């Protein structure tokens, strides 16, 4: 689907110079001299490069629609992660850096969503929140008020998060994967 250069919005996936780019930021500019344009900051979904491009209203770009499919994480094989399609039981290997920092939250058997372009996976999305166990939590410092104080804790996957003072080691909590923050106690 073709769209005008000034209709680009953050989060759009567009085809530009033979690659697939995700729009991060936009800024509409109307200089005193010349026509208005859209300054677009975007990231290449295939190789991670970032760029800034100016699009005028006369420019058109191809807006790309990605296919999404549910996969199950099986295991890690060196630098590769092995996923299985739940419908066909076909396994695929993806590089672990495709997940970025969220990789630490990947658990055996976890359902993830892969975004595919031309049948090729270009991104992996984990669930927004996961359940994890605290293996180590600092002691509460006497005199802190419970309303505003948090203490550091280490999860069973090695990630450090800040938790309320009443949460101790052995407690199962819910953590926001992308913000790396405490959400609540698991039931």
N, C-alpha and C. Protein backbone atom coordinates (compact mmCIF):
# COMPACT_ATOMS: atom_id res chain seq x y z
N UNK A 1 0.85 -1.17 0.00
CA UNK A 1 0.00 0.00 0.00
C UNK A 1 0.89 1.24 0.00
N UNK A 2 0.74 2.10 -0.97
CA UNK A 2 1.54 3.33 -1.07
C UNK A 2 0.92 4.40 -0.18
N UNK A 3 1.80 5.12 0.56
CA UNK A 3 1.34 6.26 1.36
C UNK A 3 2.24 7.46 1.07
N UNK A 4 1.70 8.64 1.29
CA UNK A 4 2.45 9.87 1.08
C UNK A 4 3.52 10.01 2.17
N UNK A 5 4.60 10.68 1.85
CA UNK A 5 5.69 10.87 2.80
C UNK A 5 5.28 11.60 4.07
N UNK A 6 4.24 12.46 4.00
CA UNK A 6 3.81 13.19 5.19
C UNK A 6 2.78 12.40 6.01
N UNK A 7 2.36 11.22 5.53
CA UNK A 7 1.41 10.38 6.27
C UNK A 7 2.11 9.29 7.08
N UNK A 8 3.43 9.31 7.10
CA UNK A 8 4.19 8.31 7.86
C UNK A 8 4.01 8.59 9.35
N UNK A 9 3.81 7.54 10.14
CA UNK A 9 3.61 7.65 11.58
C UNK A 9 4.56 6.71 12.31
N UNK A 10 4.90 7.03 13.58
CA UNK A 10 5.76 6.12 14.36
C UNK A 10 5.12 4.73 14.47
N UNK A 11 5.94 3.71 14.34
CA UNK A 11 5.45 2.33 14.39
C UNK A 11 5.17 1.75 13.02
N UNK A 12 5.04 2.62 11.99
CA UNK A 12 4.82 2.11 10.63
C UNK A 12 6.04 1.31 10.18
N UNK A 13 5.80 0.29 9.38
CA UNK A 13 6.87 -0.48 8.75
C UNK A 13 6.81 -0.11 7.27
N UNK A 14 7.92 0.42 6.75
CA UNK A 14 7.93 0.84 5.35
C UNK A 14 9.08 0.20 4.60
N UNK A 15 8.91 0.13 3.27
CA UNK A 15 9.98 -0.38 2.41
C UNK A 15 10.71 0.84 1.86
N UNK A 16 12.03 0.88 2.05
CA UNK A 16 12.81 2.03 1.62
C UNK A 16 14.19 1.53 1.18
N UNK A 17 14.60 1.91 -0.01
CA UNK A 17 15.89 1.52 -0.58
C UNK A 17 16.14 0.01 -0.47
N UNK A 18 15.12 -0.78 -0.80
CA UNK A 18 15.26 -2.23 -0.83
C UNK A 18 15.26 -2.93 0.51
N UNK A 19 15.03 -2.20 1.60
CA UNK A 19 15.01 -2.80 2.93
C UNK A 19 13.70 -2.54 3.65
N UNK A 20 13.53 -3.18 4.79
CA UNK A 20 12.34 -2.99 5.62
C UNK A 20 12.74 -2.16 6.83
N UNK A 21 12.05 -1.04 7.05
CA UNK A 21 12.40 -0.10 8.10
C UNK A 21 11.21 0.13 9.02
N UNK A 22 11.48 0.25 10.33
CA UNK A 22 10.44 0.58 11.29
C UNK A 22 10.64 2.04 11.70
N UNK A 23 9.57 2.82 11.62
CA UNK A 23 9.64 4.25 11.94
C UNK A 23 9.66 4.43 13.46
N UNK A 24 10.69 5.13 13.96
CA UNK A 24 10.82 5.36 15.40
C UNK A 24 10.25 6.73 15.78
N UNK A 25 10.69 7.79 15.07
CA UNK A 25 10.24 9.15 15.39
C UNK A 25 9.96 9.91 14.10
N UNK A 26 9.05 10.87 14.21
CA UNK A 26 8.79 11.76 13.08
C UNK A 26 8.76 13.20 13.57
N UNK A 27 9.08 14.12 12.66
CA UNK A 27 8.97 15.53 12.98
C UNK A 27 8.54 16.26 11.71
N UNK A 28 7.37 16.87 11.77
CA UNK A 28 6.86 17.62 10.62
C UNK A 28 7.46 19.01 10.66
N UNK A 29 8.07 19.44 9.57
CA UNK A 29 8.75 20.74 9.53
C UNK A 29 8.23 21.57 8.36
N UNK A 30 7.95 22.85 8.64
CA UNK A 30 7.52 23.78 7.60
C UNK A 30 8.50 24.95 7.59
N UNK A 31 9.56 24.84 6.79
CA UNK A 31 10.53 25.94 6.76
C UNK A 31 9.91 27.18 6.10
N UNK A 32 10.49 28.35 6.38
CA UNK A 32 9.99 29.59 5.80
C UNK A 32 10.13 29.61 4.30
N UNK A 33 11.13 28.91 3.81
CA UNK A 33 11.39 28.87 2.38
C UNK A 33 11.28 27.42 1.91
N UNK A 34 10.56 27.16 0.86
CA UNK A 34 10.42 25.79 0.36
C UNK A 34 9.21 25.09 0.95
N UNK A 35 9.01 23.86 0.52
CA UNK A 35 7.83 23.10 0.96
C UNK A 35 8.04 22.39 2.28
N UNK A 36 6.95 21.98 2.88
CA UNK A 36 7.00 21.24 4.15
C UNK A 36 7.52 19.82 3.89
N UNK A 37 8.09 19.26 4.92
CA UNK A 37 8.58 17.89 4.82
C UNK A 37 8.46 17.18 6.16
N UNK A 38 8.60 15.87 6.14
CA UNK A 38 8.55 15.03 7.33
C UNK A 38 9.95 14.47 7.54
N UNK A 39 10.56 14.80 8.68
CA UNK A 39 11.86 14.24 9.06
C UNK A 39 11.57 12.93 9.79
N UNK A 40 12.05 11.81 9.26
CA UNK A 40 11.70 10.49 9.78
C UNK A 40 12.97 9.76 10.25
N UNK A 41 12.94 9.34 11.53
CA UNK A 41 14.03 8.51 12.06
C UNK A 41 13.53 7.08 12.03
N UNK A 42 14.32 6.19 11.41
CA UNK A 42 13.87 4.81 11.29
C UNK A 42 15.02 3.83 11.43
N UNK A 43 14.65 2.56 11.74
CA UNK A 43 15.63 1.51 11.97
C UNK A 43 15.36 0.36 11.01
N UNK A 44 16.44 -0.14 10.41
CA UNK A 44 16.34 -1.27 9.50
C UNK A 44 16.10 -2.54 10.30
N UNK A 45 15.03 -3.27 9.98
CA UNK A 45 14.69 -4.47 10.73
C UNK A 45 15.54 -5.68 10.36
N UNK A 46 16.31 -5.57 9.27
CA UNK A 46 17.12 -6.71 8.85
C UNK A 46 18.53 -6.64 9.42
N UNK A 47 19.14 -5.47 9.44
CA UNK A 47 20.52 -5.38 9.92
C UNK A 47 20.73 -4.40 11.07
N UNK A 48 19.66 -3.73 11.53
CA UNK A 48 19.76 -2.87 12.71
C UNK A 48 20.27 -1.46 12.47
N UNK A 49 20.60 -1.10 11.22
CA UNK A 49 21.07 0.26 10.95
C UNK A 49 19.98 1.28 11.23
N UNK A 50 20.39 2.49 11.62
CA UNK A 50 19.44 3.59 11.82
C UNK A 50 19.75 4.68 10.81
N UNK A 51 18.70 5.42 10.43
CA UNK A 51 18.90 6.52 9.50
C UNK A 51 17.83 7.59 9.70
N UNK A 52 18.11 8.80 9.23
CA UNK A 52 17.16 9.90 9.20
C UNK A 52 16.94 10.27 7.75
N UNK A 53 15.67 10.37 7.35
CA UNK A 53 15.33 10.67 5.96
C UNK A 53 14.26 11.75 5.93
N UNK A 54 14.36 12.65 4.94
CA UNK A 54 13.34 13.67 4.73
C UNK A 54 12.41 13.22 3.63
N UNK A 55 11.10 13.22 3.91
CA UNK A 55 10.10 12.88 2.91
C UNK A 55 9.23 14.10 2.68
N UNK A 56 9.05 14.48 1.43
CA UNK A 56 8.14 15.58 1.08
C UNK A 56 6.76 14.98 0.77
N UNK A 57 5.75 15.81 0.68
CA UNK A 57 4.40 15.30 0.43
C UNK A 57 4.28 14.62 -0.93
N UNK A 58 5.13 15.00 -1.88
CA UNK A 58 5.09 14.39 -3.21
C UNK A 58 5.73 12.99 -3.21
N UNK A 59 6.57 12.70 -2.20
CA UNK A 59 7.21 11.38 -2.12
C UNK A 59 6.20 10.34 -1.65
N UNK A 60 6.31 9.15 -2.19
CA UNK A 60 5.47 8.05 -1.71
C UNK A 60 6.36 6.89 -1.30
N UNK A 61 5.92 6.16 -0.28
CA UNK A 61 6.64 4.98 0.19
C UNK A 61 5.65 3.83 0.30
N UNK A 62 6.19 2.64 0.24
CA UNK A 62 5.36 1.44 0.35
C UNK A 62 5.25 1.06 1.81
N UNK A 63 4.01 1.04 2.34
CA UNK A 63 3.78 0.61 3.71
C UNK A 63 3.67 -0.91 3.69
N UNK A 64 4.45 -1.57 4.54
CA UNK A 64 4.52 -3.02 4.55
C UNK A 64 3.67 -3.59 5.66
N UNK A 65 2.98 -4.66 5.36
CA UNK A 65 2.20 -5.37 6.36
C UNK A 65 2.93 -6.67 6.64
N UNK A 66 3.31 -6.86 7.90
CA UNK A 66 4.03 -8.07 8.28
C UNK A 66 3.05 -9.14 8.73
N UNK A 67 3.39 -10.38 8.43
CA UNK A 67 2.60 -11.51 8.92
C UNK A 67 3.11 -11.87 10.30
N UNK A 68 2.21 -12.24 11.21
CA UNK A 68 2.63 -12.68 12.54
C UNK A 68 2.21 -14.13 12.73
N UNK A 69 3.03 -14.87 13.45
CA UNK A 69 2.74 -16.27 13.69
C UNK A 69 3.27 -16.66 15.06
N UNK A 70 2.50 -17.50 15.75
CA UNK A 70 2.89 -17.97 17.08
C UNK A 70 3.88 -19.13 16.95
N UNK A 71 4.95 -19.06 17.74
CA UNK A 71 5.95 -20.12 17.79
C UNK A 71 6.22 -20.44 19.26
N UNK A 72 6.76 -21.62 19.51
CA UNK A 72 7.14 -22.03 20.86
C UNK A 72 8.65 -22.13 20.93
N UNK A 73 9.24 -21.52 21.99
CA UNK A 73 10.68 -21.61 22.18
C UNK A 73 11.03 -22.99 22.72
N UNK A 74 11.99 -23.67 22.08
CA UNK A 74 12.39 -25.00 22.51
C UNK A 74 13.68 -24.98 23.33
N UNK A 75 14.78 -24.50 22.72
CA UNK A 75 16.05 -24.49 23.43
C UNK A 75 17.05 -23.57 22.75
N UNK A 76 18.16 -23.33 23.45
CA UNK A 76 19.24 -22.49 22.93
C UNK A 76 20.36 -23.40 22.46
N UNK A 77 20.86 -23.15 21.25
CA UNK A 77 21.93 -23.96 20.68
C UNK A 77 23.08 -23.02 20.30
N UNK A 78 23.96 -22.75 21.27
CA UNK A 78 25.05 -21.79 21.05
C UNK A 78 24.49 -20.39 20.89
N UNK A 79 24.76 -19.75 19.74
CA UNK A 79 24.26 -18.40 19.49
C UNK A 79 22.88 -18.43 18.82
N UNK A 80 22.35 -19.63 18.59
CA UNK A 80 21.06 -19.76 17.92
C UNK A 80 19.97 -20.16 18.92
N UNK A 81 18.76 -19.70 18.64
CA UNK A 81 17.59 -20.07 19.43
C UNK A 81 16.70 -20.92 18.52
N UNK A 82 16.18 -22.02 19.04
CA UNK A 82 15.36 -22.93 18.24
C UNK A 82 13.90 -22.76 18.64
N UNK A 83 13.05 -22.46 17.64
CA UNK A 83 11.62 -22.28 17.83
C UNK A 83 10.86 -23.29 16.99
N UNK A 84 9.63 -23.64 17.44
CA UNK A 84 8.82 -24.59 16.70
C UNK A 84 7.46 -23.98 16.39
N UNK A 85 7.03 -24.17 15.14
CA UNK A 85 5.70 -23.75 14.71
C UNK A 85 4.70 -24.73 15.32
N UNK A 86 3.73 -24.24 16.08
CA UNK A 86 2.77 -25.10 16.75
C UNK A 86 1.82 -25.82 15.81
N UNK A 87 1.63 -25.31 14.59
CA UNK A 87 0.72 -25.93 13.64
C UNK A 87 1.40 -27.03 12.83
N UNK A 88 2.60 -26.74 12.30
CA UNK A 88 3.28 -27.69 11.40
C UNK A 88 4.39 -28.47 12.10
N UNK A 89 4.74 -28.09 13.33
CA UNK A 89 5.84 -28.69 14.09
C UNK A 89 7.19 -28.51 13.41
N UNK A 90 7.26 -27.58 12.48
CA UNK A 90 8.51 -27.26 11.80
C UNK A 90 9.37 -26.41 12.73
N UNK A 91 10.68 -26.70 12.79
CA UNK A 91 11.58 -25.95 13.66
C UNK A 91 12.40 -24.96 12.84
N UNK A 92 12.63 -23.76 13.45
CA UNK A 92 13.49 -22.78 12.81
C UNK A 92 14.52 -22.30 13.81
N UNK A 93 15.69 -21.93 13.30
CA UNK A 93 16.79 -21.41 14.12
C UNK A 93 16.92 -19.92 13.85
N UNK A 94 16.97 -19.12 14.93
CA UNK A 94 17.15 -17.68 14.79
C UNK A 94 18.32 -17.23 15.65
N UNK A 95 18.99 -16.17 15.22
CA UNK A 95 20.10 -15.62 16.00
C UNK A 95 19.54 -14.98 17.26
N UNK A 96 20.26 -15.16 18.39
CA UNK A 96 19.77 -14.67 19.68
C UNK A 96 19.73 -13.15 19.76
N UNK A 97 20.55 -12.44 18.97
CA UNK A 97 20.53 -10.98 19.04
C UNK A 97 19.27 -10.38 18.41
N UNK A 98 18.44 -11.20 17.76
CA UNK A 98 17.17 -10.74 17.22
C UNK A 98 16.21 -10.32 18.34
N UNK A 99 16.40 -10.89 19.54
CA UNK A 99 15.56 -10.57 20.69
C UNK A 99 16.07 -9.39 21.49
N UNK A 100 17.35 -9.07 21.38
CA UNK A 100 17.93 -7.97 22.15
C UNK A 100 17.98 -8.31 23.63
N UNK A 101 17.69 -7.32 24.50
CA UNK A 101 17.75 -7.50 25.95
C UNK A 101 16.66 -8.42 26.47
N UNK A 102 15.59 -8.60 25.73
CA UNK A 102 14.48 -9.44 26.19
C UNK A 102 14.87 -10.92 26.23
N UNK A 103 15.97 -11.28 25.60
CA UNK A 103 16.41 -12.68 25.55
C UNK A 103 16.55 -13.30 26.94
N UNK A 104 16.97 -12.50 27.92
CA UNK A 104 17.16 -13.02 29.28
C UNK A 104 15.86 -13.55 29.89
N UNK A 105 14.72 -13.09 29.39
CA UNK A 105 13.42 -13.50 29.94
C UNK A 105 12.83 -14.72 29.20
N UNK A 106 13.51 -15.19 28.17
CA UNK A 106 13.02 -16.33 27.40
C UNK A 106 13.05 -17.59 28.26
N UNK A 107 11.93 -18.31 28.31
CA UNK A 107 11.82 -19.52 29.12
C UNK A 107 11.46 -20.70 28.23
N UNK A 108 11.90 -21.90 28.61
CA UNK A 108 11.59 -23.10 27.84
C UNK A 108 10.08 -23.25 27.70
N UNK A 109 9.63 -23.52 26.47
CA UNK A 109 8.21 -23.72 26.22
C UNK A 109 7.40 -22.45 26.05
N UNK A 110 8.05 -21.27 26.17
CA UNK A 110 7.33 -19.99 26.09
C UNK A 110 6.78 -19.77 24.68
N UNK A 111 5.53 -19.27 24.62
CA UNK A 111 4.92 -18.90 23.35
C UNK A 111 5.37 -17.49 22.98
N UNK A 112 5.91 -17.31 21.77
CA UNK A 112 6.35 -16.00 21.29
C UNK A 112 5.69 -15.73 19.95
N UNK A 113 5.69 -14.45 19.56
CA UNK A 113 5.13 -14.05 18.27
C UNK A 113 6.27 -13.62 17.36
N UNK A 114 6.36 -14.25 16.20
CA UNK A 114 7.36 -13.88 15.21
C UNK A 114 6.70 -13.03 14.13
N UNK A 115 7.37 -11.93 13.75
CA UNK A 115 6.90 -11.13 12.62
C UNK A 115 7.68 -11.58 11.40
N UNK A 116 6.95 -11.92 10.33
CA UNK A 116 7.57 -12.47 9.13
C UNK A 116 7.36 -11.53 7.95
N UNK A 117 8.40 -11.39 7.14
CA UNK A 117 8.32 -10.63 5.89
C UNK A 117 8.86 -11.53 4.79
N UNK A 118 8.05 -11.81 3.80
CA UNK A 118 8.41 -12.77 2.76
C UNK A 118 8.82 -14.10 3.36
N UNK A 119 8.06 -14.56 4.35
CA UNK A 119 8.30 -15.83 5.04
C UNK A 119 9.61 -15.86 5.84
N UNK A 120 10.28 -14.71 5.99
CA UNK A 120 11.54 -14.64 6.73
C UNK A 120 11.30 -13.91 8.04
N UNK A 121 11.66 -14.52 9.19
CA UNK A 121 11.45 -13.85 10.48
C UNK A 121 12.36 -12.62 10.63
N UNK A 122 11.77 -11.48 11.03
CA UNK A 122 12.58 -10.28 11.23
C UNK A 122 12.51 -9.75 12.66
N UNK A 123 11.53 -10.22 13.46
CA UNK A 123 11.50 -9.82 14.87
C UNK A 123 10.75 -10.84 15.69
N UNK A 124 11.10 -10.89 16.99
CA UNK A 124 10.48 -11.82 17.93
C UNK A 124 9.92 -10.99 19.08
N UNK A 125 8.65 -11.22 19.42
CA UNK A 125 8.03 -10.50 20.54
C UNK A 125 7.67 -11.49 21.63
N UNK A 126 8.19 -11.27 22.83
CA UNK A 126 7.85 -12.08 23.99
C UNK A 126 6.57 -11.53 24.61
N UNK A 127 5.93 -12.31 25.50
CA UNK A 127 4.79 -11.74 26.23
C UNK A 127 5.26 -10.51 27.01
N UNK A 128 4.36 -9.54 27.24
CA UNK A 128 4.73 -8.31 27.94
C UNK A 128 5.14 -8.58 29.38
N UNK A 129 4.51 -9.58 30.00
CA UNK A 129 4.81 -9.88 31.41
C UNK A 129 5.08 -11.38 31.58
N UNK A 130 6.03 -11.69 32.47
CA UNK A 130 6.32 -13.09 32.78
C UNK A 130 6.34 -13.28 34.29
N UNK A 131 6.27 -14.52 34.71
CA UNK A 131 6.36 -14.87 36.12
C UNK A 131 7.78 -15.38 36.38
N UNK A 132 8.41 -14.88 37.45
CA UNK A 132 9.77 -15.30 37.79
C UNK A 132 9.90 -15.39 39.30
N UNK A 133 10.92 -16.14 39.74
CA UNK A 133 11.15 -16.31 41.18
C UNK A 133 12.35 -15.48 41.60
N UNK A 134 12.24 -14.86 42.78
CA UNK A 134 13.36 -14.09 43.33
C UNK A 134 14.29 -15.06 44.04
N UNK A 135 15.59 -15.02 43.68
CA UNK A 135 16.55 -15.91 44.32
C UNK A 135 17.40 -15.17 45.36
N UNK A 136 17.43 -13.85 45.24
CA UNK A 136 18.23 -13.06 46.18
C UNK A 136 17.59 -11.68 46.32
N UNK A 137 17.39 -11.24 47.56
CA UNK A 137 16.82 -9.91 47.81
C UNK A 137 17.57 -9.26 48.96
N UNK A 138 17.90 -7.98 48.82
CA UNK A 138 18.60 -7.26 49.89
C UNK A 138 17.67 -7.10 51.09
N UNK A 139 18.28 -6.95 52.25
CA UNK A 139 17.51 -6.71 53.48
C UNK A 139 16.94 -5.30 53.45
N UNK A 140 15.85 -5.13 54.16
CA UNK A 140 15.21 -3.81 54.25
C UNK A 140 16.01 -2.95 55.22
N UNK A 141 16.25 -1.70 54.83
CA UNK A 141 16.95 -0.77 55.69
C UNK A 141 15.94 -0.15 56.64
N UNK A 142 16.21 -0.24 57.93
CA UNK A 142 15.26 0.27 58.93
C UNK A 142 15.09 1.79 58.76
N UNK A 143 13.86 2.23 58.86
CA UNK A 143 13.59 3.66 58.75
C UNK A 143 13.05 4.07 57.39
N UNK A 144 13.12 3.16 56.40
CA UNK A 144 12.56 3.51 55.09
C UNK A 144 11.04 3.41 55.16
N UNK A 145 10.38 4.28 54.45
CA UNK A 145 8.92 4.22 54.42
C UNK A 145 8.51 3.24 53.33
N UNK A 146 7.50 2.47 53.60
CA UNK A 146 7.07 1.43 52.66
C UNK A 146 6.46 2.00 51.40
N UNK A 147 5.95 3.22 51.44
CA UNK A 147 5.25 3.77 50.29
C UNK A 147 6.17 4.13 49.13
N UNK A 148 7.40 4.55 49.41
CA UNK A 148 8.23 5.02 48.31
C UNK A 148 9.53 4.25 48.12
N UNK A 149 9.81 3.28 48.96
CA UNK A 149 11.10 2.62 48.86
C UNK A 149 11.01 1.27 48.17
N UNK A 150 12.00 1.00 47.36
CA UNK A 150 12.14 -0.29 46.71
C UNK A 150 13.55 -0.78 46.98
N UNK A 151 13.74 -2.10 46.92
CA UNK A 151 15.06 -2.67 47.16
C UNK A 151 15.44 -3.54 45.96
N UNK A 152 16.74 -3.71 45.70
CA UNK A 152 17.14 -4.55 44.56
C UNK A 152 16.94 -6.03 44.86
N UNK A 153 16.61 -6.78 43.82
CA UNK A 153 16.44 -8.23 43.93
C UNK A 153 16.93 -8.87 42.64
N UNK A 154 17.38 -10.13 42.73
CA UNK A 154 17.86 -10.87 41.56
C UNK A 154 16.87 -12.00 41.28
N UNK A 155 16.44 -12.09 40.01
CA UNK A 155 15.50 -13.12 39.60
C UNK A 155 16.24 -14.42 39.25
N UNK A 156 15.48 -15.50 39.08
CA UNK A 156 16.08 -16.79 38.75
C UNK A 156 16.77 -16.81 37.38
N UNK A 157 16.50 -15.82 36.53
CA UNK A 157 17.18 -15.73 35.24
C UNK A 157 18.38 -14.79 35.29
N UNK A 158 18.71 -14.26 36.48
CA UNK A 158 19.88 -13.39 36.64
C UNK A 158 19.61 -11.91 36.48
N UNK A 159 18.40 -11.53 36.13
CA UNK A 159 18.05 -10.12 35.92
C UNK A 159 17.79 -9.45 37.26
N UNK A 160 18.31 -8.21 37.41
CA UNK A 160 18.08 -7.43 38.63
C UNK A 160 16.88 -6.51 38.42
N UNK A 161 15.96 -6.51 39.40
CA UNK A 161 14.81 -5.61 39.38
C UNK A 161 14.64 -5.01 40.77
N UNK A 162 13.90 -3.91 40.84
CA UNK A 162 13.59 -3.28 42.12
C UNK A 162 12.22 -3.78 42.56
N UNK A 163 12.13 -4.22 43.84
CA UNK A 163 10.88 -4.76 44.38
C UNK A 163 10.53 -4.04 45.67
N UNK A 164 9.26 -4.11 46.10
CA UNK A 164 8.86 -3.51 47.39
C UNK A 164 9.56 -4.23 48.55
N UNK A 165 9.70 -3.56 49.69
CA UNK A 165 10.44 -4.12 50.82
C UNK A 165 9.88 -5.44 51.37
N UNK A 166 8.56 -5.67 51.24
CA UNK A 166 7.97 -6.89 51.82
C UNK A 166 8.23 -8.15 50.97
N UNK A 167 8.80 -8.00 49.76
CA UNK A 167 9.07 -9.14 48.89
C UNK A 167 10.45 -9.72 49.24
N UNK A 168 10.50 -11.02 49.50
CA UNK A 168 11.75 -11.67 49.87
C UNK A 168 12.13 -12.77 48.90
N UNK A 169 13.29 -13.40 49.15
CA UNK A 169 13.78 -14.49 48.31
C UNK A 169 12.78 -15.64 48.36
N UNK A 170 12.61 -16.32 47.22
CA UNK A 170 11.67 -17.43 47.13
C UNK A 170 10.28 -17.02 46.69
N UNK A 171 10.00 -15.73 46.62
CA UNK A 171 8.69 -15.23 46.21
C UNK A 171 8.60 -15.22 44.69
N UNK A 172 7.45 -15.63 44.16
CA UNK A 172 7.23 -15.56 42.71
C UNK A 172 6.52 -14.24 42.41
N UNK A 173 7.09 -13.49 41.44
CA UNK A 173 6.53 -12.18 41.09
C UNK A 173 6.26 -12.12 39.59
N UNK A 174 5.52 -11.10 39.20
CA UNK A 174 5.27 -10.83 37.78
C UNK A 174 6.14 -9.63 37.40
N UNK A 175 6.87 -9.76 36.29
CA UNK A 175 7.81 -8.73 35.85
C UNK A 175 7.44 -8.28 34.44
N UNK A 176 7.52 -6.97 34.18
CA UNK A 176 7.35 -6.43 32.84
C UNK A 176 8.65 -6.69 32.08
N UNK A 177 8.57 -7.45 30.99
CA UNK A 177 9.76 -7.89 30.25
C UNK A 177 10.52 -6.72 29.63
N UNK A 178 9.81 -5.76 29.05
CA UNK A 178 10.49 -4.70 28.31
C UNK A 178 10.89 -3.52 29.19
N UNK A 179 10.18 -3.28 30.28
CA UNK A 179 10.53 -2.20 31.21
C UNK A 179 11.44 -2.70 32.33
N UNK A 180 11.49 -4.02 32.52
CA UNK A 180 12.27 -4.65 33.59
C UNK A 180 11.86 -4.12 34.95
N UNK A 181 10.54 -4.09 35.18
CA UNK A 181 10.02 -3.57 36.44
C UNK A 181 9.08 -4.58 37.10
N UNK A 182 8.97 -4.47 38.41
CA UNK A 182 8.07 -5.29 39.22
C UNK A 182 6.63 -4.86 38.92
N UNK A 183 5.74 -5.83 38.65
CA UNK A 183 4.35 -5.54 38.39
C UNK A 183 3.49 -5.93 39.60
N UNK A 184 3.74 -7.10 40.14
CA UNK A 184 2.96 -7.57 41.27
C UNK A 184 3.40 -8.95 41.70
N UNK A 185 2.78 -9.42 42.77
CA UNK A 185 3.06 -10.76 43.27
C UNK A 185 2.27 -11.78 42.46
N UNK A 186 2.89 -12.90 42.13
CA UNK A 186 2.18 -13.95 41.40
C UNK A 186 1.25 -14.68 42.34
N UNK A 187 0.11 -15.09 41.84
CA UNK A 187 -0.87 -15.77 42.70
C UNK A 187 -0.59 -17.25 42.83
